[in-house]
C-alpha cells in the first residue's frame, strides 16, 4: 500500500524500455517534457514532467566556464 515513483532521464534514448518499466509504478516523472504524451498514450496516466536542474548557489562556486 506504499505509493511508488520513478524518475527517468534521457527517455529519447530508451523510450520503449522506459515506458515498459514505468508500468509498475504509481507515479512516473520524466525529464524530457516532449515524451509525456508517449507515456500517457501507453496507459501511464500519472506521468509528470520534472526537469533537470541544479542549485546555482552551489554550482557557481566552482568558477568554471560553461562549455
PDB file of N, CA and C in Angstrom:
ATOM      1  N   UNK A   1       0.808  -1.205   0.000  1.00  0.00           N
ATOM      2  CA  UNK A   1       0.000   0.000   0.000  1.00  0.00           C
ATOM      3  C   UNK A   1       0.848   1.265   0.000  1.00  0.00           C
ATOM      4  N   UNK A   2       2.135   1.120  -0.221  1.00  0.00           N
ATOM      5  CA  UNK A   2       3.029   2.276  -0.286  1.00  0.00           C
ATOM      6  C   UNK A   2       3.109   2.753  -1.733  1.00  0.00           C
ATOM      7  N   UNK A   3       2.858   4.037  -1.978  1.00  0.00           N
ATOM      8  CA  UNK A   3       2.966   4.558  -3.353  1.00  0.00           C
ATOM      9  C   UNK A   3       4.403   4.443  -3.868  1.00  0.00           C
ATOM     10  N   UNK A   4       4.528   4.148  -5.136  1.00  0.00           N
ATOM     11  CA  UNK A   4       5.847   4.036  -5.750  1.00  0.00           C
ATOM     12  C   UNK A   4       6.012   5.102  -6.823  1.00  0.00           C
ATOM     13  N   UNK A   5       7.256   5.491  -7.047  1.00  0.00           N
ATOM     14  CA  UNK A   5       7.553   6.508  -8.057  1.00  0.00           C
ATOM     15  C   UNK A   5       8.889   6.201  -8.711  1.00  0.00           C
ATOM     16  N   UNK A   6       9.053   6.682  -9.934  1.00  0.00           N
ATOM     17  CA  UNK A   6      10.328   6.563 -10.628  1.00  0.00           C
ATOM     18  C   UNK A   6      10.607   7.857 -11.367  1.00  0.00           C
ATOM     19  N   UNK A   7      11.862   8.055 -11.718  1.00  0.00           N
ATOM     20  CA  UNK A   7      12.281   9.253 -12.444  1.00  0.00           C
ATOM     21  C   UNK A   7      13.196   8.827 -13.575  1.00  0.00           C
ATOM     22  N   UNK A   8      12.778   9.119 -14.794  1.00  0.00           N
ATOM     23  CA  UNK A   8      13.558   8.756 -15.969  1.00  0.00           C
ATOM     24  C   UNK A   8      14.162   9.995 -16.608  1.00  0.00           C
ATOM     25  N   UNK A   9      15.430   9.883 -16.983  1.00  0.00           N
ATOM     26  CA  UNK A   9      16.068  10.909 -17.794  1.00  0.00           C
ATOM     27  C   UNK A   9      16.505  10.250 -19.098  1.00  0.00           C
ATOM     28  N   UNK A  10      16.712  11.039 -20.104  1.00  0.00           N
ATOM     29  CA  UNK A  10      17.141  10.549 -21.421  1.00  0.00           C
ATOM     30  C   UNK A  10      16.164   9.546 -22.029  1.00  0.00           C
ATOM     31  N   UNK A  11      14.884   9.808 -21.867  1.00  0.00           N
ATOM     32  CA  UNK A  11      13.873   8.908 -22.438  1.00  0.00           C
ATOM     33  C   UNK A  11      13.953   8.858 -23.958  1.00  0.00           C
ATOM     34  N   UNK A  12      14.509   9.872 -24.571  1.00  0.00           N
ATOM     35  CA  UNK A  12      14.659   9.863 -26.026  1.00  0.00           C
ATOM     36  C   UNK A  12      15.625   8.765 -26.490  1.00  0.00           C
ATOM     37  N   UNK A  13      16.461   8.283 -25.598  1.00  0.00           N
ATOM     38  CA  UNK A  13      17.404   7.221 -25.945  1.00  0.00           C
ATOM     39  C   UNK A  13      16.835   5.826 -25.719  1.00  0.00           C
ATOM     40  N   UNK A  14      15.898   5.706 -24.771  1.00  0.00           N
ATOM     41  CA  UNK A  14      15.375   4.379 -24.392  1.00  0.00           C
ATOM     42  C   UNK A  14      13.874   4.442 -24.140  1.00  0.00           C
ATOM     43  N   UNK A  15      13.147   5.086 -25.021  1.00  0.00           N
ATOM     44  CA  UNK A  15      11.731   5.364 -24.792  1.00  0.00           C
ATOM     45  C   UNK A  15      10.918   4.106 -24.515  1.00  0.00           C
ATOM     46  N   UNK A  16      10.980   3.114 -25.362  1.00  0.00           N
ATOM     47  CA  UNK A  16      10.166   1.909 -25.184  1.00  0.00           C
ATOM     48  C   UNK A  16      10.511   1.185 -23.881  1.00  0.00           C
ATOM     49  N   UNK A  17      11.775   1.122 -23.549  1.00  0.00           N
ATOM     50  CA  UNK A  17      12.204   0.475 -22.311  1.00  0.00           C
ATOM     51  C   UNK A  17      11.689   1.248 -21.091  1.00  0.00           C
ATOM     52  N   UNK A  18      11.777   2.561 -21.136  1.00  0.00           N
ATOM     53  CA  UNK A  18      11.280   3.381 -20.029  1.00  0.00           C
ATOM     54  C   UNK A  18       9.768   3.225 -19.860  1.00  0.00           C
ATOM     55  N   UNK A  19       9.056   3.190 -20.954  1.00  0.00           N
ATOM     56  CA  UNK A  19       7.598   3.025 -20.886  1.00  0.00           C
ATOM     57  C   UNK A  19       7.248   1.678 -20.252  1.00  0.00           C
ATOM     58  N   UNK A  20       7.934   0.625 -20.636  1.00  0.00           N
ATOM     59  CA  UNK A  20       7.662  -0.696 -20.059  1.00  0.00           C
ATOM     60  C   UNK A  20       7.967  -0.720 -18.567  1.00  0.00           C
ATOM     61  N   UNK A  21       9.093  -0.140 -18.163  1.00  0.00           N
ATOM     62  CA  UNK A  21       9.451  -0.115 -16.744  1.00  0.00           C
ATOM     63  C   UNK A  21       8.469   0.750 -15.950  1.00  0.00           C
ATOM     64  N   UNK A  22       7.986   1.821 -16.542  1.00  0.00           N
ATOM     65  CA  UNK A  22       7.097   2.758 -15.850  1.00  0.00           C
ATOM     66  C   UNK A  22       5.770   2.118 -15.447  1.00  0.00           C
ATOM     67  N   UNK A  23       5.376   1.076 -16.129  1.00  0.00           N
ATOM     68  CA  UNK A  23       4.075   0.451 -15.882  1.00  0.00           C
ATOM     69  C   UNK A  23       3.926  -0.134 -14.480  1.00  0.00           C
ATOM     70  N   UNK A  24       5.022  -0.351 -13.774  1.00  0.00           N
ATOM     71  CA  UNK A  24       4.922  -0.933 -12.428  1.00  0.00           C
ATOM     72  C   UNK A  24       4.885   0.122 -11.323  1.00  0.00           C
ATOM     73  N   UNK A  25       4.946   1.408 -11.690  1.00  0.00           N
ATOM     74  CA  UNK A  25       4.978   2.480 -10.700  1.00  0.00           C
ATOM     75  C   UNK A  25       3.659   3.245 -10.652  1.00  0.00           C
ATOM     76  N   UNK A  26       3.370   3.815  -9.501  1.00  0.00           N
ATOM     77  CA  UNK A  26       2.160   4.627  -9.333  1.00  0.00           C
ATOM     78  C   UNK A  26       2.316   6.016  -9.946  1.00  0.00           C
ATOM     79  N   UNK A  27       3.502   6.569  -9.855  1.00  0.00           N
ATOM     80  CA  UNK A  27       3.791   7.900 -10.390  1.00  0.00           C
ATOM     81  C   UNK A  27       5.100   7.842 -11.156  1.00  0.00           C
ATOM     82  N   UNK A  28       5.106   8.491 -12.306  1.00  0.00           N
ATOM     83  CA  UNK A  28       6.281   8.492 -13.166  1.00  0.00           C
ATOM     84  C   UNK A  28       6.667   9.942 -13.447  1.00  0.00           C
ATOM     85  N   UNK A  29       7.933  10.233 -13.283  1.00  0.00           N
ATOM     86  CA  UNK A  29       8.464  11.559 -13.575  1.00  0.00           C
ATOM     87  C   UNK A  29       9.502  11.408 -14.680  1.00  0.00           C
ATOM     88  N   UNK A  30       9.444  12.305 -15.666  1.00  0.00           N
ATOM     89  CA  UNK A  30      10.406  12.250 -16.757  1.00  0.00           C
ATOM     90  C   UNK A  30      11.002  13.643 -16.968  1.00  0.00           C
ATOM     91  N   UNK A  31      12.255  13.665 -17.418  1.00  0.00           N
ATOM     92  CA  UNK A  31      12.964  14.931 -17.594  1.00  0.00           C
ATOM     93  C   UNK A  31      12.658  15.590 -18.941  1.00  0.00           C
ATOM     94  N   UNK A  32      12.287  14.818 -19.938  1.00  0.00           N
ATOM     95  CA  UNK A  32      12.020  15.375 -21.263  1.00  0.00           C
ATOM     96  C   UNK A  32      10.514  15.555 -21.462  1.00  0.00           C
ATOM     97  N   UNK A  33      10.097  16.794 -21.391  1.00  0.00           N
ATOM     98  CA  UNK A  33       8.670  17.148 -21.435  1.00  0.00           C
ATOM     99  C   UNK A  33       7.952  16.609 -22.677  1.00  0.00           C
ATOM    100  N   UNK A  34       8.644  16.585 -23.804  1.00  0.00           N
ATOM    101  CA  UNK A  34       8.001  16.183 -25.057  1.00  0.00           C
ATOM    102  C   UNK A  34       7.576  14.713 -25.097  1.00  0.00           C
ATOM    103  N   UNK A  35       7.988  13.899 -24.121  1.00  0.00           N
ATOM    104  CA  UNK A  35       7.624  12.484 -24.113  1.00  0.00           C
ATOM    105  C   UNK A  35       6.491  12.143 -23.142  1.00  0.00           C
ATOM    106  N   UNK A  36       5.952  13.127 -22.481  1.00  0.00           N
ATOM    107  CA  UNK A  36       4.832  12.876 -21.565  1.00  0.00           C
ATOM    108  C   UNK A  36       3.676  12.204 -22.295  1.00  0.00           C
ATOM    109  N   UNK A  37       3.354  12.703 -23.478  1.00  0.00           N
ATOM    110  CA  UNK A  37       2.218  12.129 -24.210  1.00  0.00           C
ATOM    111  C   UNK A  37       2.462  10.673 -24.594  1.00  0.00           C
ATOM    112  N   UNK A  38       3.701  10.300 -24.864  1.00  0.00           N
ATOM    113  CA  UNK A  38       4.008   8.900 -25.194  1.00  0.00           C
ATOM    114  C   UNK A  38       3.728   7.981 -24.006  1.00  0.00           C
ATOM    115  N   UNK A  39       4.095   8.429 -22.809  1.00  0.00           N
ATOM    116  CA  UNK A  39       3.826   7.649 -21.609  1.00  0.00           C
ATOM    117  C   UNK A  39       2.326   7.571 -21.350  1.00  0.00           C
ATOM    118  N   UNK A  40       1.646   8.702 -21.436  1.00  0.00           N
ATOM    119  CA  UNK A  40       0.199   8.726 -21.179  1.00  0.00           C
ATOM    120  C   UNK A  40      -0.560   7.915 -22.222  1.00  0.00           C
ATOM    121  N   UNK A  41      -0.151   7.988 -23.482  1.00  0.00           N
ATOM    122  CA  UNK A  41      -0.800   7.193 -24.535  1.00  0.00           C
ATOM    123  C   UNK A  41      -0.569   5.698 -24.351  1.00  0.00           C
ATOM    124  N   UNK A  42       0.434   5.331 -23.558  1.00  0.00           N
ATOM    125  CA  UNK A  42       0.708   3.921 -23.260  1.00  0.00           C
ATOM    126  C   UNK A  42      -0.013   3.466 -21.996  1.00  0.00           C
ATOM    127  N   UNK A  43      -0.909   4.312 -21.477  1.00  0.00           N
ATOM    128  CA  UNK A  43      -1.705   3.935 -20.314  1.00  0.00           C
ATOM    129  C   UNK A  43      -1.119   4.347 -18.979  1.00  0.00           C
ATOM    130  N   UNK A  44      -0.083   5.150 -18.978  1.00  0.00           N
ATOM    131  CA  UNK A  44       0.552   5.587 -17.731  1.00  0.00           C
ATOM    132  C   UNK A  44       0.062   7.003 -17.441  1.00  0.00           C
ATOM    133  N   UNK A  45      -1.091   7.080 -16.788  1.00  0.00           N
ATOM    134  CA  UNK A  45      -1.783   8.356 -16.591  1.00  0.00           C
ATOM    135  C   UNK A  45      -1.036   9.304 -15.662  1.00  0.00           C
ATOM    136  N   UNK A  46      -0.395   8.780 -14.640  1.00  0.00           N
ATOM    137  CA  UNK A  46       0.276   9.635 -13.652  1.00  0.00           C
ATOM    138  C   UNK A  46       1.717   9.924 -14.055  1.00  0.00           C
ATOM    139  N   UNK A  47       1.880  10.453 -15.256  1.00  0.00           N
ATOM    140  CA  UNK A  47       3.192  10.851 -15.749  1.00  0.00           C
ATOM    141  C   UNK A  47       3.318  12.354 -15.608  1.00  0.00           C
ATOM    142  N   UNK A  48       4.441  12.783 -15.049  1.00  0.00           N
ATOM    143  CA  UNK A  48       4.646  14.202 -14.771  1.00  0.00           C
ATOM    144  C   UNK A  48       6.021  14.637 -15.271  1.00  0.00           C
ATOM    145  N   UNK A  49       6.122  15.904 -15.650  1.00  0.00           N
ATOM    146  CA  UNK A  49       7.393  16.474 -16.061  1.00  0.00           C
ATOM    147  C   UNK A  49       8.152  16.959 -14.836  1.00  0.00           C
ATOM    148  N   UNK A  50       9.397  16.544 -14.696  1.00  0.00           N
ATOM    149  CA  UNK A  50      10.278  17.002 -13.633  1.00  0.00           C
ATOM    150  C   UNK A  50      11.626  17.318 -14.285  1.00  0.00           C
ATOM    151  N   UNK A  51      11.827  18.581 -14.664  1.00  0.00           N
ATOM    152  CA  UNK A  51      13.046  18.923 -15.409  1.00  0.00           C
ATOM    153  C   UNK A  51      14.300  18.783 -14.562  1.00  0.00           C
ATOM    154  N   UNK A  52      15.394  18.541 -15.245  1.00  0.00           N
ATOM    155  CA  UNK A  52      16.695  18.512 -14.581  1.00  0.00           C
ATOM    156  C   UNK A  52      17.026  19.921 -14.103  1.00  0.00           C
ATOM    157  N   UNK A  53      17.805  20.011 -13.060  1.00  0.00           N
ATOM    158  CA  UNK A  53      18.173  21.326 -12.558  1.00  0.00           C
ATOM    159  C   UNK A  53      19.351  21.239 -11.607  1.00  0.00           C
ATOM    160  N   UNK A  54      19.780  22.381 -11.146  1.00  0.00           N
ATOM    161  CA  UNK A  54      20.865  22.435 -10.173  1.00  0.00           C
ATOM    162  C   UNK A  54      20.703  23.693  -9.328  1.00  0.00           C
ATOM    163  N   UNK A  55      21.383  23.705  -8.233  1.00  0.00           N
ATOM    164  CA  UNK A  55      21.388  24.858  -7.344  1.00  0.00           C
ATOM    165  C   UNK A  55      22.547  25.753  -7.758  1.00  0.00           C
ATOM    166  N   UNK A  56      22.251  26.887  -8.384  1.00  0.00           N
ATOM    167  CA  UNK A  56      23.311  27.763  -8.892  1.00  0.00           C
ATOM    168  C   UNK A  56      24.157  28.363  -7.776  1.00  0.00           C
ATOM    169  N   UNK A  57      23.620  28.459  -6.571  1.00  0.00           N
ATOM    170  CA  UNK A  57      24.428  28.969  -5.462  1.00  0.00           C
ATOM    171  C   UNK A  57      25.558  28.004  -5.108  1.00  0.00           C
ATOM    172  N   UNK A  58      25.345  26.729  -5.359  1.00  0.00           N
ATOM    173  CA  UNK A  58      26.388  25.730  -5.111  1.00  0.00           C
ATOM    174  C   UNK A  58      27.272  25.578  -6.342  1.00  0.00           C
ATOM    175  N   UNK A  59      26.666  25.391  -7.504  1.00  0.00           N
ATOM    176  CA  UNK A  59      27.421  25.084  -8.718  1.00  0.00           C
ATOM    177  C   UNK A  59      28.224  26.259  -9.238  1.00  0.00           C
ATOM    178  N   UNK A  60      27.799  27.497  -9.020  1.00  0.00           N
ATOM    179  CA  UNK A  60      28.546  28.657  -9.497  1.00  0.00           C
ATOM    180  C   UNK A  60      29.822  28.893  -8.702  1.00  0.00           C
ATOM    181  N   UNK A  61      29.976  28.252  -7.570  1.00  0.00           N
ATOM    182  CA  UNK A  61      31.145  28.454  -6.710  1.00  0.00           C
ATOM    183  C   UNK A  61      32.416  27.824  -7.285  1.00  0.00           C
ATOM    184  N   UNK A  62      32.274  26.976  -8.284  1.00  0.00           N
ATOM    185  CA  UNK A  62      33.444  26.302  -8.827  1.00  0.00           C
ATOM    186  C   UNK A  62      34.232  27.177  -9.790  1.00  0.00           C
ATOM    187  N   UNK A  63      33.620  28.227 -10.310  1.00  0.00           N
ATOM    188  CA  UNK A  63      34.319  29.169 -11.180  1.00  0.00           C
ATOM    189  C   UNK A  63      34.705  28.646 -12.536  1.00  0.00           C
ATOM    190  N   UNK A  64      34.115  27.567 -12.969  1.00  0.00           N
ATOM    191  CA  UNK A  64      34.423  27.014 -14.277  1.00  0.00           C
ATOM    192  C   UNK A  64      33.593  27.708 -15.355  1.00  0.00           C
ATOM    193  N   UNK A  65      34.198  27.917 -16.494  1.00  0.00           N
ATOM    194  CA  UNK A  65      33.466  28.495 -17.614  1.00  0.00           C
ATOM    195  C   UNK A  65      32.575  27.433 -18.236  1.00  0.00           C
ATOM    196  N   UNK A  66      31.406  27.850 -18.675  1.00  0.00           N
ATOM    197  CA  UNK A  66      30.478  26.917 -19.322  1.00  0.00           C
ATOM    198  C   UNK A  66      31.039  26.546 -20.686  1.00  0.00           C
ATOM    199  N   UNK A  67      30.972  25.247 -21.009  1.00  0.00           N
ATOM    200  CA  UNK A  67      31.447  24.777 -22.307  1.00  0.00           C
ATOM    201  C   UNK A  67      30.262  24.388 -23.153  1.00  0.00           C
TER     202      UNK A  67
END
